[in-house]
Amino acid sequence: MIEVEVKDFLDTYFEGNVSVCLEIPKNMPKKFIVFQCVDKGREDYIEAVTLEFCTYADSKYEAALLEESLREAMDSMHSTTDISCKISGGDDDMDTSLKKYRYRCYYNLHH
């Protein structure tokens, strides 16, 4: 499952300094990343998936910095693994239910 591979890679990349989750943690740290699969497909026996990543922090600035770190991590995944990663968009907004700043980005992965 690609989500497990991505989570393991990001956990190693961030060396435990950032929580990477597949769902919103019950005890939310000051900053964290949540991601989920929003689309799956297959073309010529190559698996494709679109993942939505959300970076959360107590300030908009910290959420933006965390998103930049995430983008660097995904670039590293692209260059050091057999998973092809390409960003396909993103935005920033306030998560009003959690009352935290959030940046979102979407990645298309082929593996």
C-alpha atoms as a PDB file:
ATOM      1  CA  MET A   1       0.000   0.000   0.000  1.00  0.00           C
ATOM      2  CA  ILE A   2       1.540   3.289  -1.138  1.00  0.00           C
ATOM      3  CA  GLU A   3       0.294   5.227   1.896  1.00  0.00           C
ATOM      4  CA  VAL A   4       2.439   3.056   4.180  1.00  0.00           C
ATOM      5  CA  GLU A   5       5.501   3.539   1.973  1.00  0.00           C
ATOM      6  CA  VAL A   6       4.995   7.329   1.916  1.00  0.00           C
ATOM      7  CA  LYS A   7       4.413   7.515   5.671  1.00  0.00           C
ATOM      8  CA  ASP A   8       7.509   5.420   6.408  1.00  0.00           C
ATOM      9  CA  PHE A   9       9.602   7.593   4.086  1.00  0.00           C
ATOM     10  CA  LEU A  10       8.347  10.832   5.654  1.00  0.00           C
ATOM     11  CA  ASP A  11       8.792   9.508   9.205  1.00  0.00           C
ATOM     12  CA  THR A  12      12.412   8.718   8.373  1.00  0.00           C
ATOM     13  CA  TYR A  13      12.934  12.002   6.527  1.00  0.00           C
ATOM     14  CA  PHE A  14      11.631  14.135   9.404  1.00  0.00           C
ATOM     15  CA  GLU A  15      13.460  11.980  11.986  1.00  0.00           C
ATOM     16  CA  GLY A  16      10.587  12.184  14.461  1.00  0.00           C
ATOM     17  CA  ASN A  17      10.621  16.007  14.512  1.00  0.00           C
ATOM     18  CA  VAL A  18       7.245  16.187  12.741  1.00  0.00           C
ATOM     19  CA  SER A  19       4.289  13.874  13.263  1.00  0.00           C
ATOM     20  CA  VAL A  20       3.098  12.358   9.979  1.00  0.00           C
ATOM     21  CA  CYS A  21      -0.400  10.888  10.252  1.00  0.00           C
ATOM     22  CA  LEU A  22      -3.075   9.273   8.132  1.00  0.00           C
ATOM     23  CA  GLU A  23      -5.784  10.933  10.228  1.00  0.00           C
ATOM     24  CA  ILE A  24      -6.048  13.876  12.616  1.00  0.00           C
ATOM     25  CA  PRO A  25      -4.342  12.845  15.877  1.00  0.00           C
ATOM     26  CA  LYS A  26      -6.443  12.994  19.050  1.00  0.00           C
ATOM     27  CA  ASN A  27      -3.685  14.787  20.960  1.00  0.00           C
ATOM     28  CA  MET A  28      -2.617  17.291  18.334  1.00  0.00           C
ATOM     29  CA  PRO A  29       1.033  18.369  18.420  1.00  0.00           C
ATOM     30  CA  LYS A  30       1.919  21.999  17.655  1.00  0.00           C
ATOM     31  CA  LYS A  31       2.663  21.038  14.049  1.00  0.00           C
ATOM     32  CA  PHE A  32       1.894  17.929  12.050  1.00  0.00           C
ATOM     33  CA  ILE A  33       1.190  16.550   8.582  1.00  0.00           C
ATOM     34  CA  VAL A  34      -1.899  14.556   7.616  1.00  0.00           C
ATOM     35  CA  PHE A  35      -2.349  12.916   4.242  1.00  0.00           C
ATOM     36  CA  GLN A  36      -4.935  10.831   2.475  1.00  0.00           C
ATOM     37  CA  CYS A  37      -5.552   9.205  -0.872  1.00  0.00           C
ATOM     38  CA  VAL A  38      -8.026  11.162  -2.989  1.00  0.00           C
ATOM     39  CA  ASP A  39      -7.728   9.214  -6.254  1.00  0.00           C
ATOM     40  CA  LYS A  40      -6.309   5.898  -7.511  1.00  0.00           C
ATOM     41  CA  GLY A  41      -5.783   4.459 -10.946  1.00  0.00           C
ATOM     42  CA  ARG A  42      -3.626   2.250 -13.126  1.00  0.00           C
ATOM     43  CA  GLU A  43      -2.191   2.765 -16.586  1.00  0.00           C
ATOM     44  CA  ASP A  44      -0.103   0.178 -18.438  1.00  0.00           C
ATOM     45  CA  TYR A  45       0.221  -1.789 -15.160  1.00  0.00           C
ATOM     46  CA  ILE A  46       1.705   1.234 -13.380  1.00  0.00           C
ATOM     47  CA  GLU A  47      -0.145   2.209 -10.218  1.00  0.00           C
ATOM     48  CA  ALA A  48      -1.091   5.880  -9.886  1.00  0.00           C
ATOM     49  CA  VAL A  49      -2.406   7.696  -6.835  1.00  0.00           C
ATOM     50  CA  THR A  50      -3.158  11.288  -5.888  1.00  0.00           C
ATOM     51  CA  LEU A  51      -2.441  12.175  -2.283  1.00  0.00           C
ATOM     52  CA  GLU A  52      -3.691  15.253  -0.459  1.00  0.00           C
ATOM     53  CA  PHE A  53      -1.259  16.530   2.175  1.00  0.00           C
ATOM     54  CA  CYS A  54      -2.269  19.008   4.877  1.00  0.00           C
ATOM     55  CA  THR A  55       0.321  20.726   7.041  1.00  0.00           C
ATOM     56  CA  TYR A  56      -0.993  22.114  10.326  1.00  0.00           C
ATOM     57  CA  ALA A  57       0.593  24.559  12.754  1.00  0.00           C
ATOM     58  CA  ASP A  58      -0.301  27.215  15.322  1.00  0.00           C
ATOM     59  CA  SER A  59       0.670  30.050  12.958  1.00  0.00           C
ATOM     60  CA  LYS A  60       0.267  30.566   9.238  1.00  0.00           C
ATOM     61  CA  TYR A  61       4.020  31.109   8.943  1.00  0.00           C
ATOM     62  CA  GLU A  62       4.813  27.790  10.651  1.00  0.00           C
ATOM     63  CA  ALA A  63       2.278  25.953   8.481  1.00  0.00           C
ATOM     64  CA  ALA A  64       3.901  27.469   5.359  1.00  0.00           C
ATOM     65  CA  LEU A  65       7.391  26.457   6.528  1.00  0.00           C
ATOM     66  CA  LEU A  66       6.170  22.942   7.206  1.00  0.00           C
ATOM     67  CA  GLU A  67       4.666  22.724   3.722  1.00  0.00           C
ATOM     68  CA  GLU A  68       8.004  23.804   2.211  1.00  0.00           C
ATOM     69  CA  SER A  69       9.730  21.068   4.235  1.00  0.00           C
ATOM     70  CA  LEU A  70       7.143  18.578   2.984  1.00  0.00           C
ATOM     71  CA  ARG A  71       7.817  19.618  -0.617  1.00  0.00           C
ATOM     72  CA  GLU A  72      11.547  19.081  -0.064  1.00  0.00           C
ATOM     73  CA  ALA A  73      10.789  15.644   1.379  1.00  0.00           C
ATOM     74  CA  MET A  74       8.640  14.712  -1.611  1.00  0.00           C
ATOM     75  CA  ASP A  75      11.385  15.915  -3.981  1.00  0.00           C
ATOM     76  CA  SER A  76      13.766  13.650  -2.069  1.00  0.00           C
ATOM     77  CA  MET A  77      11.350  10.730  -2.387  1.00  0.00           C
ATOM     78  CA  HIS A  78      11.197  11.350  -6.138  1.00  0.00           C
ATOM     79  CA  SER A  79      14.985  11.344  -6.511  1.00  0.00           C
ATOM     80  CA  THR A  80      15.860   8.502  -4.097  1.00  0.00           C
ATOM     81  CA  THR A  81      13.101   5.899  -4.577  1.00  0.00           C
ATOM     82  CA  ASP A  82      11.265   4.227  -7.438  1.00  0.00           C
ATOM     83  CA  ILE A  83       8.198   6.370  -6.711  1.00  0.00           C
ATOM     84  CA  SER A  84       7.615   9.227  -9.132  1.00  0.00           C
ATOM     85  CA  CYS A  85       6.191  12.309  -7.351  1.00  0.00           C
ATOM     86  CA  LYS A  86       4.792  15.413  -9.020  1.00  0.00           C
ATOM     87  CA  ILE A  87       3.015  18.256  -7.279  1.00  0.00           C
ATOM     88  CA  SER A  88      -0.308  19.143  -8.869  1.00  0.00           C
ATOM     89  CA  GLY A  89      -1.486  22.118  -6.814  1.00  0.00           C
ATOM     90  CA  GLY A  90      -2.211  23.439  -3.383  1.00  0.00           C
ATOM     91  CA  ASP A  91      -3.584  26.293  -1.307  1.00  0.00           C
ATOM     92  CA  ASP A  92      -3.696  27.704   2.194  1.00  0.00           C
ATOM     93  CA  ASP A  93      -6.673  28.115   4.446  1.00  0.00           C
ATOM     94  CA  MET A  94      -7.717  27.996   8.062  1.00  0.00           C
ATOM     95  CA  ASP A  95      -9.165  24.741   9.325  1.00  0.00           C
ATOM     96  CA  THR A  96     -12.077  26.222  11.249  1.00  0.00           C
ATOM     97  CA  SER A  97     -13.069  22.939  12.899  1.00  0.00           C
ATOM     98  CA  LEU A  98      -9.579  22.433  14.371  1.00  0.00           C
ATOM     99  CA  LYS A  99      -8.804  26.167  14.702  1.00  0.00           C
ATOM    100  CA  LYS A 100      -5.377  25.625  13.150  1.00  0.00           C
ATOM    101  CA  TYR A 101      -3.655  27.093  10.133  1.00  0.00           C
ATOM    102  CA  ARG A 102      -3.415  24.643   7.270  1.00  0.00           C
ATOM    103  CA  TYR A 103      -1.660  24.441   3.934  1.00  0.00           C
ATOM    104  CA  ARG A 104      -2.748  21.806   1.431  1.00  0.00           C
ATOM    105  CA  CYS A 105      -0.910  20.344  -1.530  1.00  0.00           C
ATOM    106  CA  TYR A 106      -1.652  17.506  -3.884  1.00  0.00           C
ATOM    107  CA  TYR A 107       0.851  15.045  -5.308  1.00  0.00           C
ATOM    108  CA  ASN A 108       0.443  12.591  -8.166  1.00  0.00           C
ATOM    109  CA  LEU A 109       2.503   9.475  -7.515  1.00  0.00           C
ATOM    110  CA  HIS A 110       3.318   6.631  -9.893  1.00  0.00           C
ATOM    111  CA  HIS A 111       4.810   3.409  -8.608  1.00  0.00           C
END
